[in-house]
Amino acid sequence: VSGQELVKRACETAVSGMHNLLFVGPPGAGKTMIAERIPGILPSLNTKERMELSKIYSVCGLLEHKRGLMQERPFRAPHHTITPQGLAGGGAVPKPGEISLAHKGILFLDELTEFQRETLEILRQPMEEKKICIARLNASYEYPADFMLVAAMNPCRCGYYPDRNRCSCTEHDIKRYMSRVSKPIWDRIDICTHMGMIDARDILYESDVDKSSDFYTTANMKKCVKTAYDIQKERFSNENIEFNSQMNEKHVKKYCRLGQAEKRIMETAFERLNLTVRGYHKVLKTARTIADIAVSYTHLTLPTT
């Protein structure tokens, strides 16, 4: 990926703590391309995770029996025309939907604002509880849904806001477009990163750049992610969670302690940004992951200049 250093860092942070991630940018900025490369920095599945995933895919008839258990984390990218049932699961013969097929991996929703509002609202429960419950007349079904949400969208209908040379959308049009995604869904996004168009120099002179000085390579990012995973594994060894994103209020108070200066910063942010309690906790949990990544950097040989 040429350029987009901030976006690469956002991907690294999101994967390290399994935080939900949203890309906002104009058409052609590389949102989909970068999302499709995120699996390259995901850590390997452990035996328990391989068993869980293989059971889900076997029930759906998607397991390749000749290859044995699944070896890679799933990357599911349903089209925006998917039905609520297709996303959640169910049917005459109940089976898991895309939410469960993304278990222990990534659920990528491209063109987020084009999904039916009813379909998106289904995500609210599984994003919090890591499972989805489907009730029917004679029975109820519970499927696992421990996934990382990655989504992408344009900033407005034409896609070019805030470039007023190309965008003619009014403020009302932009607010209406963004409101296609409900506040509860926005509140469940940990990291939102704005993407600009790639600079021509990043493409034209790419071959002239010394790649050894590029820190955000797949290999380096994967090492940082693995180290951050190990840090969280040790931290939560006596807890019933695995990642920073899964911390509840009790965990946040224990593992995200703030000094007086930090409390003042968060107080100001809480008031100015109209944060909810969930949003406040998400800021602290994401900050905890960024701190873990900073420790991960010390395990790498940084490029020399």
Protein backbone atom coordinates (compact mmCIF):
# COMPACT_ATOMS: atom_id res chain seq x y z
CA VAL A 1 0.00 0.00 0.00
CA SER A 2 1.52 3.31 -1.07
CA GLY A 3 1.22 6.16 1.43
CA GLN A 4 -1.71 6.25 3.90
CA GLU A 5 0.61 5.91 6.91
CA LEU A 6 -2.06 7.09 9.36
CA VAL A 7 -4.51 4.53 8.02
CA LYS A 8 -1.95 1.75 8.36
CA ARG A 9 -1.41 2.74 11.97
CA ALA A 10 -5.17 2.71 12.55
CA CYS A 11 -5.33 -0.84 11.13
CA GLU A 12 -2.47 -1.95 13.36
CA THR A 13 -4.15 -0.49 16.44
CA ALA A 14 -7.55 -1.94 15.60
CA VAL A 15 -6.21 -5.46 15.01
CA SER A 16 -4.00 -5.37 18.12
CA GLY A 17 -6.97 -4.81 20.43
CA MET A 18 -9.76 -6.17 18.18
CA HIS A 19 -11.35 -2.71 17.95
CA ASN A 20 -14.08 -1.92 15.43
CA LEU A 21 -12.73 0.24 12.61
CA LEU A 22 -14.31 2.62 10.10
CA PHE A 23 -12.73 4.16 6.99
CA VAL A 24 -14.26 7.38 5.66
CA GLY A 25 -12.96 8.73 2.37
CA PRO A 26 -13.65 9.53 -1.28
CA PRO A 27 -13.97 6.89 -4.02
CA GLY A 28 -10.59 5.57 -5.09
CA ALA A 29 -8.79 6.40 -1.85
CA GLY A 30 -8.09 2.72 -1.20
CA LYS A 31 -10.60 1.91 1.57
CA THR A 32 -11.55 -1.50 0.23
CA MET A 33 -8.00 -2.40 -0.80
CA ILE A 34 -6.59 -1.69 2.66
CA ALA A 35 -9.43 -3.54 4.39
CA GLU A 36 -8.76 -6.63 2.27
CA ARG A 37 -5.14 -6.59 3.41
CA ILE A 38 -5.90 -6.56 7.12
CA PRO A 39 -5.98 -10.39 7.32
CA GLY A 40 -2.26 -10.31 6.52
CA ILE A 41 -1.48 -8.87 9.97
CA LEU A 42 -3.91 -11.02 11.97
CA PRO A 43 -2.29 -13.58 14.29
CA SER A 44 -2.70 -17.29 13.69
CA LEU A 45 -5.65 -19.22 15.09
CA ASN A 46 -5.07 -21.37 18.15
CA THR A 47 -6.44 -24.90 18.38
CA LYS A 48 -9.61 -23.90 20.26
CA GLU A 49 -10.42 -21.20 17.71
CA ARG A 50 -9.83 -23.57 14.78
CA MET A 51 -12.28 -26.03 16.33
CA GLU A 52 -14.96 -23.36 16.90
CA LEU A 53 -14.67 -22.01 13.36
CA SER A 54 -14.63 -25.45 11.77
CA LYS A 55 -17.89 -26.35 13.54
CA ILE A 56 -19.60 -23.21 12.25
CA TYR A 57 -18.44 -23.72 8.67
CA SER A 58 -19.28 -27.42 8.81
CA VAL A 59 -22.88 -26.63 9.84
CA CYS A 60 -23.12 -24.28 6.85
CA GLY A 61 -21.59 -26.82 4.49
CA LEU A 62 -18.62 -24.55 3.81
CA LEU A 63 -15.86 -26.62 5.37
CA GLU A 64 -13.44 -28.20 2.95
CA HIS A 65 -13.16 -31.63 4.57
CA LYS A 66 -10.06 -32.66 2.67
CA ARG A 67 -8.14 -29.78 4.22
CA GLY A 68 -9.17 -30.58 7.80
CA LEU A 69 -9.72 -27.81 10.33
CA MET A 70 -9.74 -24.17 9.25
CA GLN A 71 -6.32 -22.59 9.47
CA GLU A 72 -6.97 -18.91 8.69
CA ARG A 73 -9.15 -16.29 10.32
CA PRO A 74 -12.22 -15.54 8.18
CA PHE A 75 -12.74 -12.36 6.21
CA ARG A 76 -16.39 -11.97 5.31
CA ALA A 77 -17.51 -9.13 3.04
CA PRO A 78 -21.28 -9.38 2.36
CA HIS A 79 -22.80 -7.08 -0.27
CA HIS A 80 -24.91 -4.17 0.94
CA THR A 81 -28.03 -5.83 -0.49
CA ILE A 82 -27.81 -8.65 2.07
CA THR A 83 -31.01 -9.32 4.02
CA PRO A 84 -31.24 -9.18 7.82
CA GLN A 85 -31.62 -12.96 7.85
CA GLY A 86 -28.53 -13.40 5.71
CA LEU A 87 -26.51 -11.33 8.16
CA ALA A 88 -27.93 -12.74 11.39
CA GLY A 89 -28.72 -16.29 10.37
CA GLY A 90 -31.88 -18.35 10.72
CA GLY A 91 -34.15 -19.63 7.96
CA ALA A 92 -36.52 -22.59 7.64
CA VAL A 93 -33.58 -24.81 8.52
CA PRO A 94 -31.71 -22.51 10.95
CA LYS A 95 -28.06 -21.94 10.21
CA PRO A 96 -25.46 -19.25 11.04
CA GLY A 97 -25.33 -16.02 9.05
CA GLU A 98 -22.47 -13.78 7.98
CA ILE A 99 -22.05 -12.46 11.52
CA SER A 100 -21.18 -15.95 12.78
CA LEU A 101 -19.15 -16.87 9.70
CA ALA A 102 -16.90 -13.93 10.65
CA HIS A 103 -16.34 -15.40 14.14
CA LYS A 104 -12.74 -14.85 15.32
CA GLY A 105 -12.09 -12.86 12.16
CA ILE A 106 -13.29 -9.79 10.28
CA LEU A 107 -16.71 -8.72 9.08
CA PHE A 108 -16.17 -6.10 6.38
CA LEU A 109 -19.10 -3.89 5.40
CA ASP A 110 -18.20 -1.83 2.35
CA GLU A 111 -20.45 1.13 1.49
CA LEU A 112 -21.83 1.09 5.03
CA THR A 113 -24.48 3.74 4.37
CA GLU A 114 -25.98 1.64 1.56
CA PHE A 115 -26.98 -1.20 3.90
CA GLN A 116 -30.59 -1.26 5.03
CA ARG A 117 -30.98 0.38 8.41
CA GLU A 118 -32.85 -2.68 9.69
CA THR A 119 -29.91 -4.87 8.67
CA LEU A 120 -27.31 -2.71 10.42
CA GLU A 121 -29.30 -2.59 13.66
CA ILE A 122 -28.87 -6.36 13.96
CA LEU A 123 -25.19 -5.73 14.72
CA ARG A 124 -25.89 -3.96 17.99
CA GLN A 125 -26.31 -7.02 20.23
CA PRO A 126 -23.51 -9.23 18.82
CA MET A 127 -21.00 -6.36 18.82
CA GLU A 128 -21.48 -6.09 22.58
CA GLU A 129 -22.21 -9.67 23.64
CA LYS A 130 -20.10 -11.54 21.04
CA LYS A 131 -23.03 -13.83 20.25
CA ILE A 132 -26.35 -13.58 18.46
CA CYS A 133 -29.65 -15.03 19.65
CA ILE A 134 -32.41 -15.88 17.19
CA ALA A 135 -35.88 -16.61 18.57
CA ARG A 136 -38.40 -18.68 16.66
CA LEU A 137 -41.88 -19.91 17.53
CA ASN A 138 -40.81 -23.29 18.86
CA ALA A 139 -37.15 -22.74 19.68
CA SER A 140 -34.35 -20.24 20.09
CA TYR A 141 -30.85 -20.48 18.70
CA GLU A 142 -27.58 -18.96 19.85
CA TYR A 143 -24.62 -18.60 17.50
CA PRO A 144 -21.12 -17.27 18.31
CA ALA A 145 -20.31 -13.85 16.84
CA ASP A 146 -16.96 -12.69 18.19
CA PHE A 147 -15.82 -10.64 15.21
CA MET A 148 -13.99 -7.40 14.47
CA LEU A 149 -16.08 -5.01 12.42
CA VAL A 150 -14.34 -3.13 9.61
CA ALA A 151 -16.50 -0.75 7.60
CA ALA A 152 -15.98 1.80 4.82
CA MET A 153 -18.10 4.67 3.57
CA ASN A 154 -18.00 7.92 1.60
CA PRO A 155 -18.23 11.21 3.52
CA CYS A 156 -21.27 12.31 1.49
CA ARG A 157 -23.49 11.13 -1.37
CA CYS A 158 -21.08 12.24 -4.11
CA GLY A 159 -18.11 11.12 -2.03
CA TYR A 160 -15.84 14.15 -2.25
CA TYR A 161 -16.63 16.27 0.82
CA PRO A 162 -14.86 18.44 2.06
CA ASP A 163 -13.31 19.15 -1.36
CA ARG A 164 -15.65 21.96 -2.43
CA ASN A 165 -14.12 21.98 -5.91
CA ARG A 166 -15.76 18.60 -6.49
CA CYS A 167 -18.50 18.37 -3.84
CA SER A 168 -21.70 20.42 -4.07
CA CYS A 169 -23.57 18.65 -1.25
CA THR A 170 -25.24 20.97 1.25
CA GLU A 171 -24.71 20.65 4.99
CA HIS A 172 -28.22 19.22 5.26
CA ASP A 173 -27.45 16.64 2.57
CA ILE A 174 -24.29 15.55 4.39
CA LYS A 175 -26.04 15.21 7.76
CA ARG A 176 -28.86 13.26 6.15
CA TYR A 177 -26.39 10.96 4.44
CA MET A 178 -24.45 10.29 7.65
CA SER A 179 -27.67 9.69 9.58
CA ARG A 180 -28.26 6.54 7.57
CA VAL A 181 -26.07 4.95 10.23
CA SER A 182 -27.78 5.21 13.61
CA LYS A 183 -26.20 6.74 16.69
CA PRO A 184 -26.01 3.36 18.52
CA ILE A 185 -23.98 1.91 15.64
CA TRP A 186 -21.68 4.97 15.55
CA ASP A 187 -21.23 4.55 19.29
CA ARG A 188 -19.90 1.04 18.77
CA ILE A 189 -17.12 2.14 16.42
CA ASP A 190 -13.79 2.38 18.28
CA ILE A 191 -11.62 3.97 15.58
CA CYS A 192 -12.73 6.20 12.71
CA THR A 193 -10.05 7.30 10.28
CA HIS A 194 -10.48 9.74 7.40
CA MET A 195 -8.68 8.82 4.19
CA GLY A 196 -7.54 11.31 1.59
CA MET A 197 -6.55 10.61 -1.99
CA ILE A 198 -3.09 9.15 -2.55
CA ASP A 199 -0.43 11.74 -3.41
CA ALA A 200 0.89 11.29 -6.95
CA ARG A 201 4.46 11.22 -5.60
CA ASP A 202 3.66 8.08 -3.55
CA ILE A 203 2.95 6.28 -6.83
CA LEU A 204 5.30 7.91 -9.33
CA TYR A 205 8.40 7.64 -7.14
CA GLU A 206 7.52 4.47 -5.25
CA SER A 207 10.36 2.52 -6.91
CA ASP A 208 12.86 5.17 -5.81
CA VAL A 209 12.03 4.79 -2.10
CA ASP A 210 14.21 2.61 0.07
CA LYS A 211 11.73 0.03 1.33
CA SER A 212 14.03 -0.92 4.22
CA SER A 213 13.14 2.41 5.82
CA ASP A 214 9.40 1.74 5.65
CA PHE A 215 8.25 0.76 9.13
CA TYR A 216 4.64 -0.06 8.28
CA THR A 217 5.30 -3.28 6.41
CA THR A 218 3.13 -6.37 6.79
CA ALA A 219 5.95 -8.21 8.58
CA ASN A 220 6.60 -5.43 11.10
CA MET A 221 2.93 -4.81 11.76
CA LYS A 222 2.27 -8.51 12.29
CA LYS A 223 5.11 -8.70 14.82
CA CYS A 224 3.72 -5.70 16.71
CA VAL A 225 0.24 -7.20 16.71
CA LYS A 226 1.57 -10.53 18.02
CA THR A 227 3.48 -8.81 20.82
CA ALA A 228 0.41 -6.73 21.75
CA TYR A 229 -1.66 -9.94 21.82
CA ASP A 230 0.86 -11.54 24.18
CA ILE A 231 0.75 -8.49 26.47
CA GLN A 232 -3.04 -8.71 26.66
CA LYS A 233 -2.93 -12.46 27.19
CA GLU A 234 -0.74 -11.96 30.25
CA ARG A 235 -2.78 -8.99 31.50
CA PHE A 236 -6.09 -10.83 31.28
CA SER A 237 -4.81 -14.25 32.36
CA ASN A 238 -7.13 -14.16 35.39
CA GLU A 239 -10.01 -12.47 33.57
CA ASN A 240 -12.69 -13.90 31.32
CA ILE A 241 -11.64 -11.74 28.35
CA GLU A 242 -8.86 -11.73 25.76
CA PHE A 243 -8.60 -8.23 24.29
CA ASN A 244 -8.66 -4.62 25.42
CA SER A 245 -11.85 -4.00 23.44
CA GLN A 246 -13.68 -6.55 25.61
CA MET A 247 -13.03 -4.78 28.90
CA ASN A 248 -16.05 -3.81 30.97
CA GLU A 249 -16.28 -0.87 33.38
CA LYS A 250 -14.54 -2.78 36.15
CA HIS A 251 -11.64 -3.70 33.87
CA VAL A 252 -11.32 -0.13 32.58
CA LYS A 253 -10.97 1.20 36.13
CA LYS A 254 -8.35 -1.42 36.89
CA TYR A 255 -6.24 -1.34 33.72
CA CYS A 256 -6.80 2.20 32.40
CA ARG A 257 -6.04 4.34 35.42
CA LEU A 258 -5.76 8.05 34.75
CA GLY A 259 -3.64 10.72 36.42
CA GLN A 260 -5.03 14.14 37.24
CA ALA A 261 -3.85 15.68 33.94
CA GLU A 262 -5.41 12.82 31.94
CA LYS A 263 -8.67 13.16 33.87
CA ARG A 264 -8.88 16.83 32.93
CA ILE A 265 -8.30 15.97 29.26
CA MET A 266 -11.03 13.33 29.30
CA GLU A 267 -13.41 15.66 31.15
CA THR A 268 -12.96 18.27 28.42
CA ALA A 269 -13.38 15.67 25.66
CA PHE A 270 -16.48 14.26 27.33
CA GLU A 271 -18.16 17.67 27.37
CA ARG A 272 -17.03 19.03 24.00
CA LEU A 273 -17.61 15.85 22.01
CA ASN A 274 -20.82 14.86 23.80
CA LEU A 275 -19.44 11.41 24.53
CA THR A 276 -21.66 8.68 25.89
CA VAL A 277 -20.40 6.46 28.70
CA ARG A 278 -19.75 3.75 26.11
CA GLY A 279 -17.82 6.21 23.96
CA TYR A 280 -15.78 7.37 26.96
CA HIS A 281 -14.78 3.80 27.77
CA LYS A 282 -13.93 3.09 24.14
CA VAL A 283 -11.48 6.00 24.13
CA LEU A 284 -9.71 4.58 27.17
CA LYS A 285 -9.67 1.02 25.82
CA THR A 286 -8.22 2.18 22.51
CA ALA A 287 -5.61 4.23 24.38
CA ARG A 288 -4.67 1.09 26.32
CA THR A 289 -4.06 -0.71 23.02
CA ILE A 290 -1.95 2.16 21.67
CA ALA A 291 0.19 1.94 24.82
CA ASP A 292 0.59 -1.82 24.29
CA ILE A 293 1.73 -1.19 20.71
CA ALA A 294 4.31 1.30 21.98
CA VAL A 295 5.78 -1.53 24.02
CA SER A 296 5.66 -3.75 20.94
CA TYR A 297 7.83 -1.27 19.03
CA THR A 298 10.70 -1.89 21.44
CA HIS A 299 10.79 -5.51 20.26
CA LEU A 300 11.50 -4.48 16.67
CA THR A 301 14.67 -3.28 15.01
CA LEU A 302 13.66 0.18 13.83
CA PRO A 303 14.94 1.36 10.46
CA THR A 304 18.08 3.47 10.54
CA THR A 305 18.29 6.81 8.76
